[in-house]
């Protein structure tokens, strides 16, 4: 049961950190932050929180995804809120799997952040249509 608690705490901590960091990045850099900086910030927050708390990386990413899904459900335009919520949860779960397997295969914490960050950046670019 401790593993579940650690994953929950790591995911919540990463979500809180991500919320404040993302707001600052968007405020100062606009939409470019969605593609360049926010993916790196979120993947760093999630994986670092999991590693620091000894939590399961996948569970941490999933908890983060649930928090983001709830945020999207209540803050996205009604026509897109359910889709945004489901896609957010799925994408953060897949990014968590990527971080987990990257760490296992390469043994590198840096790659366990960078590989999902690159995928996250590509995902955000596709989803937002940002070409800036």
C-alpha atoms as a PDB file:
ATOM      1  CA  UNK A   1       0.000   0.000   0.000  1.00  0.00           C
ATOM      2  CA  UNK A   2       2.906   2.390   0.576  1.00  0.00           C
ATOM      3  CA  UNK A   3       3.712   2.286  -3.136  1.00  0.00           C
ATOM      4  CA  UNK A   4       0.215   3.540  -3.930  1.00  0.00           C
ATOM      5  CA  UNK A   5       0.479   6.377  -1.424  1.00  0.00           C
ATOM      6  CA  UNK A   6       3.887   7.435  -2.725  1.00  0.00           C
ATOM      7  CA  UNK A   7       2.594   7.426  -6.316  1.00  0.00           C
ATOM      8  CA  UNK A   8      -0.433   9.456  -5.301  1.00  0.00           C
ATOM      9  CA  UNK A   9       1.686  11.995  -3.438  1.00  0.00           C
ATOM     10  CA  UNK A  10       4.262  12.230  -6.235  1.00  0.00           C
ATOM     11  CA  UNK A  11       1.542  12.696  -8.864  1.00  0.00           C
ATOM     12  CA  UNK A  12      -0.235  15.354  -6.818  1.00  0.00           C
ATOM     13  CA  UNK A  13       3.021  17.181  -6.077  1.00  0.00           C
ATOM     14  CA  UNK A  14       3.927  17.155  -9.768  1.00  0.00           C
ATOM     15  CA  UNK A  15       0.450  18.408 -10.703  1.00  0.00           C
ATOM     16  CA  UNK A  16       0.636  21.310  -8.245  1.00  0.00           C
ATOM     17  CA  UNK A  17       4.138  22.220  -9.428  1.00  0.00           C
ATOM     18  CA  UNK A  18       3.059  21.887 -13.044  1.00  0.00           C
ATOM     19  CA  UNK A  19       0.047  24.148 -12.519  1.00  0.00           C
ATOM     20  CA  UNK A  20       2.134  26.999 -11.152  1.00  0.00           C
ATOM     21  CA  UNK A  21       5.035  26.540 -13.579  1.00  0.00           C
ATOM     22  CA  UNK A  22       2.726  26.235 -16.593  1.00  0.00           C
ATOM     23  CA  UNK A  23       0.816  29.380 -15.670  1.00  0.00           C
ATOM     24  CA  UNK A  24       4.059  31.351 -15.384  1.00  0.00           C
ATOM     25  CA  UNK A  25       5.398  29.984 -18.656  1.00  0.00           C
ATOM     26  CA  UNK A  26       2.173  30.772 -20.517  1.00  0.00           C
ATOM     27  CA  UNK A  27       2.052  34.244 -18.986  1.00  0.00           C
ATOM     28  CA  UNK A  28       5.580  35.104 -20.079  1.00  0.00           C
ATOM     29  CA  UNK A  29       5.978  33.132 -23.314  1.00  0.00           C
ATOM     30  CA  UNK A  30       2.511  32.596 -24.707  1.00  0.00           C
ATOM     31  CA  UNK A  31       1.599  29.612 -26.836  1.00  0.00           C
ATOM     32  CA  UNK A  32       5.229  28.785 -27.619  1.00  0.00           C
ATOM     33  CA  UNK A  33       5.481  27.535 -24.031  1.00  0.00           C
ATOM     34  CA  UNK A  34       2.964  24.766 -24.867  1.00  0.00           C
ATOM     35  CA  UNK A  35       5.366  23.253 -27.355  1.00  0.00           C
ATOM     36  CA  UNK A  36       8.812  24.017 -26.009  1.00  0.00           C
ATOM     37  CA  UNK A  37       8.837  24.527 -22.257  1.00  0.00           C
ATOM     38  CA  UNK A  38       5.709  23.026 -20.686  1.00  0.00           C
ATOM     39  CA  UNK A  39       6.402  19.466 -21.890  1.00  0.00           C
ATOM     40  CA  UNK A  40       9.892  19.590 -20.405  1.00  0.00           C
ATOM     41  CA  UNK A  41       8.615  21.146 -17.168  1.00  0.00           C
ATOM     42  CA  UNK A  42       5.828  18.572 -16.756  1.00  0.00           C
ATOM     43  CA  UNK A  43       7.965  15.547 -17.595  1.00  0.00           C
ATOM     44  CA  UNK A  44      10.666  16.774 -15.225  1.00  0.00           C
ATOM     45  CA  UNK A  45       8.131  17.364 -12.446  1.00  0.00           C
ATOM     46  CA  UNK A  46       6.479  13.956 -12.837  1.00  0.00           C
ATOM     47  CA  UNK A  47       9.597  11.838 -13.153  1.00  0.00           C
ATOM     48  CA  UNK A  48      11.594  13.772 -10.557  1.00  0.00           C
ATOM     49  CA  UNK A  49       8.749  13.556  -8.047  1.00  0.00           C
ATOM     50  CA  UNK A  50       8.496   9.797  -8.585  1.00  0.00           C
ATOM     51  CA  UNK A  51      12.244   9.287  -8.222  1.00  0.00           C
ATOM     52  CA  UNK A  52      12.559  11.553  -5.177  1.00  0.00           C
ATOM     53  CA  UNK A  53       9.671   9.872  -3.354  1.00  0.00           C
ATOM     54  CA  UNK A  54      10.565   6.359  -4.473  1.00  0.00           C
ATOM     55  CA  UNK A  55       7.229   6.113  -6.254  1.00  0.00           C
ATOM     56  CA  UNK A  56       6.223   4.171  -9.331  1.00  0.00           C
ATOM     57  CA  UNK A  57       6.841   6.393 -12.362  1.00  0.00           C
ATOM     58  CA  UNK A  58       3.808   5.130 -14.267  1.00  0.00           C
ATOM     59  CA  UNK A  59       1.468   5.641 -11.313  1.00  0.00           C
ATOM     60  CA  UNK A  60       2.846   9.139 -10.761  1.00  0.00           C
ATOM     61  CA  UNK A  61       2.204  10.053 -14.391  1.00  0.00           C
ATOM     62  CA  UNK A  62      -1.299   8.561 -14.210  1.00  0.00           C
ATOM     63  CA  UNK A  63      -2.202  10.567 -11.097  1.00  0.00           C
ATOM     64  CA  UNK A  64      -0.913  13.695 -12.823  1.00  0.00           C
ATOM     65  CA  UNK A  65      -3.080  12.748 -15.826  1.00  0.00           C
ATOM     66  CA  UNK A  66      -6.172  12.370 -13.630  1.00  0.00           C
ATOM     67  CA  UNK A  67      -5.597  15.824 -12.115  1.00  0.00           C
ATOM     68  CA  UNK A  68      -5.103  17.329 -15.576  1.00  0.00           C
ATOM     69  CA  UNK A  69      -8.191  15.491 -16.852  1.00  0.00           C
ATOM     70  CA  UNK A  70     -10.298  16.982 -14.049  1.00  0.00           C
ATOM     71  CA  UNK A  71      -8.862  20.422 -14.751  1.00  0.00           C
ATOM     72  CA  UNK A  72      -9.664  20.063 -18.470  1.00  0.00           C
ATOM     73  CA  UNK A  73     -13.151  18.777 -17.717  1.00  0.00           C
ATOM     74  CA  UNK A  74     -14.019  21.959 -15.842  1.00  0.00           C
ATOM     75  CA  UNK A  75     -11.909  24.509 -17.734  1.00  0.00           C
ATOM     76  CA  UNK A  76     -12.035  23.516 -21.399  1.00  0.00           C
ATOM     77  CA  UNK A  77     -14.848  24.673 -23.679  1.00  0.00           C
ATOM     78  CA  UNK A  78     -17.856  22.393 -23.058  1.00  0.00           C
ATOM     79  CA  UNK A  79     -17.761  21.007 -26.598  1.00  0.00           C
ATOM     80  CA  UNK A  80     -14.216  19.724 -26.025  1.00  0.00           C
ATOM     81  CA  UNK A  81     -13.956  19.140 -22.277  1.00  0.00           C
ATOM     82  CA  UNK A  82     -14.682  15.389 -22.259  1.00  0.00           C
ATOM     83  CA  UNK A  83     -12.374  14.714 -25.186  1.00  0.00           C
ATOM     84  CA  UNK A  84      -9.611  16.849 -23.663  1.00  0.00           C
ATOM     85  CA  UNK A  85      -9.985  15.030 -20.354  1.00  0.00           C
ATOM     86  CA  UNK A  86      -9.782  11.550 -21.836  1.00  0.00           C
ATOM     87  CA  UNK A  87      -6.903  12.437 -24.155  1.00  0.00           C
ATOM     88  CA  UNK A  88      -5.008  14.055 -21.276  1.00  0.00           C
ATOM     89  CA  UNK A  89      -5.317  10.961 -19.121  1.00  0.00           C
ATOM     90  CA  UNK A  90      -4.341   8.636 -21.969  1.00  0.00           C
ATOM     91  CA  UNK A  91      -1.411  10.781 -23.094  1.00  0.00           C
ATOM     92  CA  UNK A  92       0.054  11.149 -19.585  1.00  0.00           C
ATOM     93  CA  UNK A  93      -0.288   7.404 -19.054  1.00  0.00           C
ATOM     94  CA  UNK A  94       1.561   6.713 -22.312  1.00  0.00           C
ATOM     95  CA  UNK A  95       4.220   9.276 -21.397  1.00  0.00           C
ATOM     96  CA  UNK A  96       4.593   7.517 -18.049  1.00  0.00           C
ATOM     97  CA  UNK A  97       5.083   4.184 -19.815  1.00  0.00           C
ATOM     98  CA  UNK A  98       7.680   5.838 -22.014  1.00  0.00           C
ATOM     99  CA  UNK A  99       9.538   7.252 -18.997  1.00  0.00           C
ATOM    100  CA  UNK A 100       9.380   3.903 -17.196  1.00  0.00           C
ATOM    101  CA  UNK A 101      10.697   1.871 -20.123  1.00  0.00           C
ATOM    102  CA  UNK A 102      13.318   4.460 -21.050  1.00  0.00           C
ATOM    103  CA  UNK A 103      14.683   4.318 -17.514  1.00  0.00           C
ATOM    104  CA  UNK A 104      14.657   0.501 -17.519  1.00  0.00           C
ATOM    105  CA  UNK A 105      16.256   0.121 -20.939  1.00  0.00           C
ATOM    106  CA  UNK A 106      18.857   2.894 -20.786  1.00  0.00           C
ATOM    107  CA  UNK A 107      19.237   3.359 -17.029  1.00  0.00           C
ATOM    108  CA  UNK A 108      19.326   7.121 -17.525  1.00  0.00           C
ATOM    109  CA  UNK A 109      17.162   9.470 -15.501  1.00  0.00           C
ATOM    110  CA  UNK A 110      17.911  12.262 -17.943  1.00  0.00           C
ATOM    111  CA  UNK A 111      16.658  10.215 -20.894  1.00  0.00           C
ATOM    112  CA  UNK A 112      13.633   9.159 -18.822  1.00  0.00           C
ATOM    113  CA  UNK A 113      12.703  12.856 -18.798  1.00  0.00           C
ATOM    114  CA  UNK A 114      13.887  13.913 -22.260  1.00  0.00           C
ATOM    115  CA  UNK A 115      12.335  11.129 -24.350  1.00  0.00           C
ATOM    116  CA  UNK A 116       8.806  11.660 -22.966  1.00  0.00           C
ATOM    117  CA  UNK A 117       9.331  15.445 -23.136  1.00  0.00           C
ATOM    118  CA  UNK A 118      10.028  15.252 -26.867  1.00  0.00           C
ATOM    119  CA  UNK A 119       6.945  13.064 -27.407  1.00  0.00           C
ATOM    120  CA  UNK A 120       4.894  15.405 -25.207  1.00  0.00           C
ATOM    121  CA  UNK A 121       6.079  18.371 -27.256  1.00  0.00           C
ATOM    122  CA  UNK A 122       5.081  16.664 -30.497  1.00  0.00           C
ATOM    123  CA  UNK A 123       1.697  15.725 -29.001  1.00  0.00           C
ATOM    124  CA  UNK A 124       1.037  19.311 -27.902  1.00  0.00           C
ATOM    125  CA  UNK A 125       1.996  20.593 -31.335  1.00  0.00           C
ATOM    126  CA  UNK A 126      -0.437  18.198 -33.014  1.00  0.00           C
ATOM    127  CA  UNK A 127      -3.237  18.933 -30.547  1.00  0.00           C
ATOM    128  CA  UNK A 128      -2.883  22.712 -30.622  1.00  0.00           C
ATOM    129  CA  UNK A 129      -1.938  23.117 -34.275  1.00  0.00           C
ATOM    130  CA  UNK A 130       0.758  25.563 -33.124  1.00  0.00           C
ATOM    131  CA  UNK A 131       3.244  26.346 -35.868  1.00  0.00           C
ATOM    132  CA  UNK A 132       4.868  29.479 -34.330  1.00  0.00           C
END
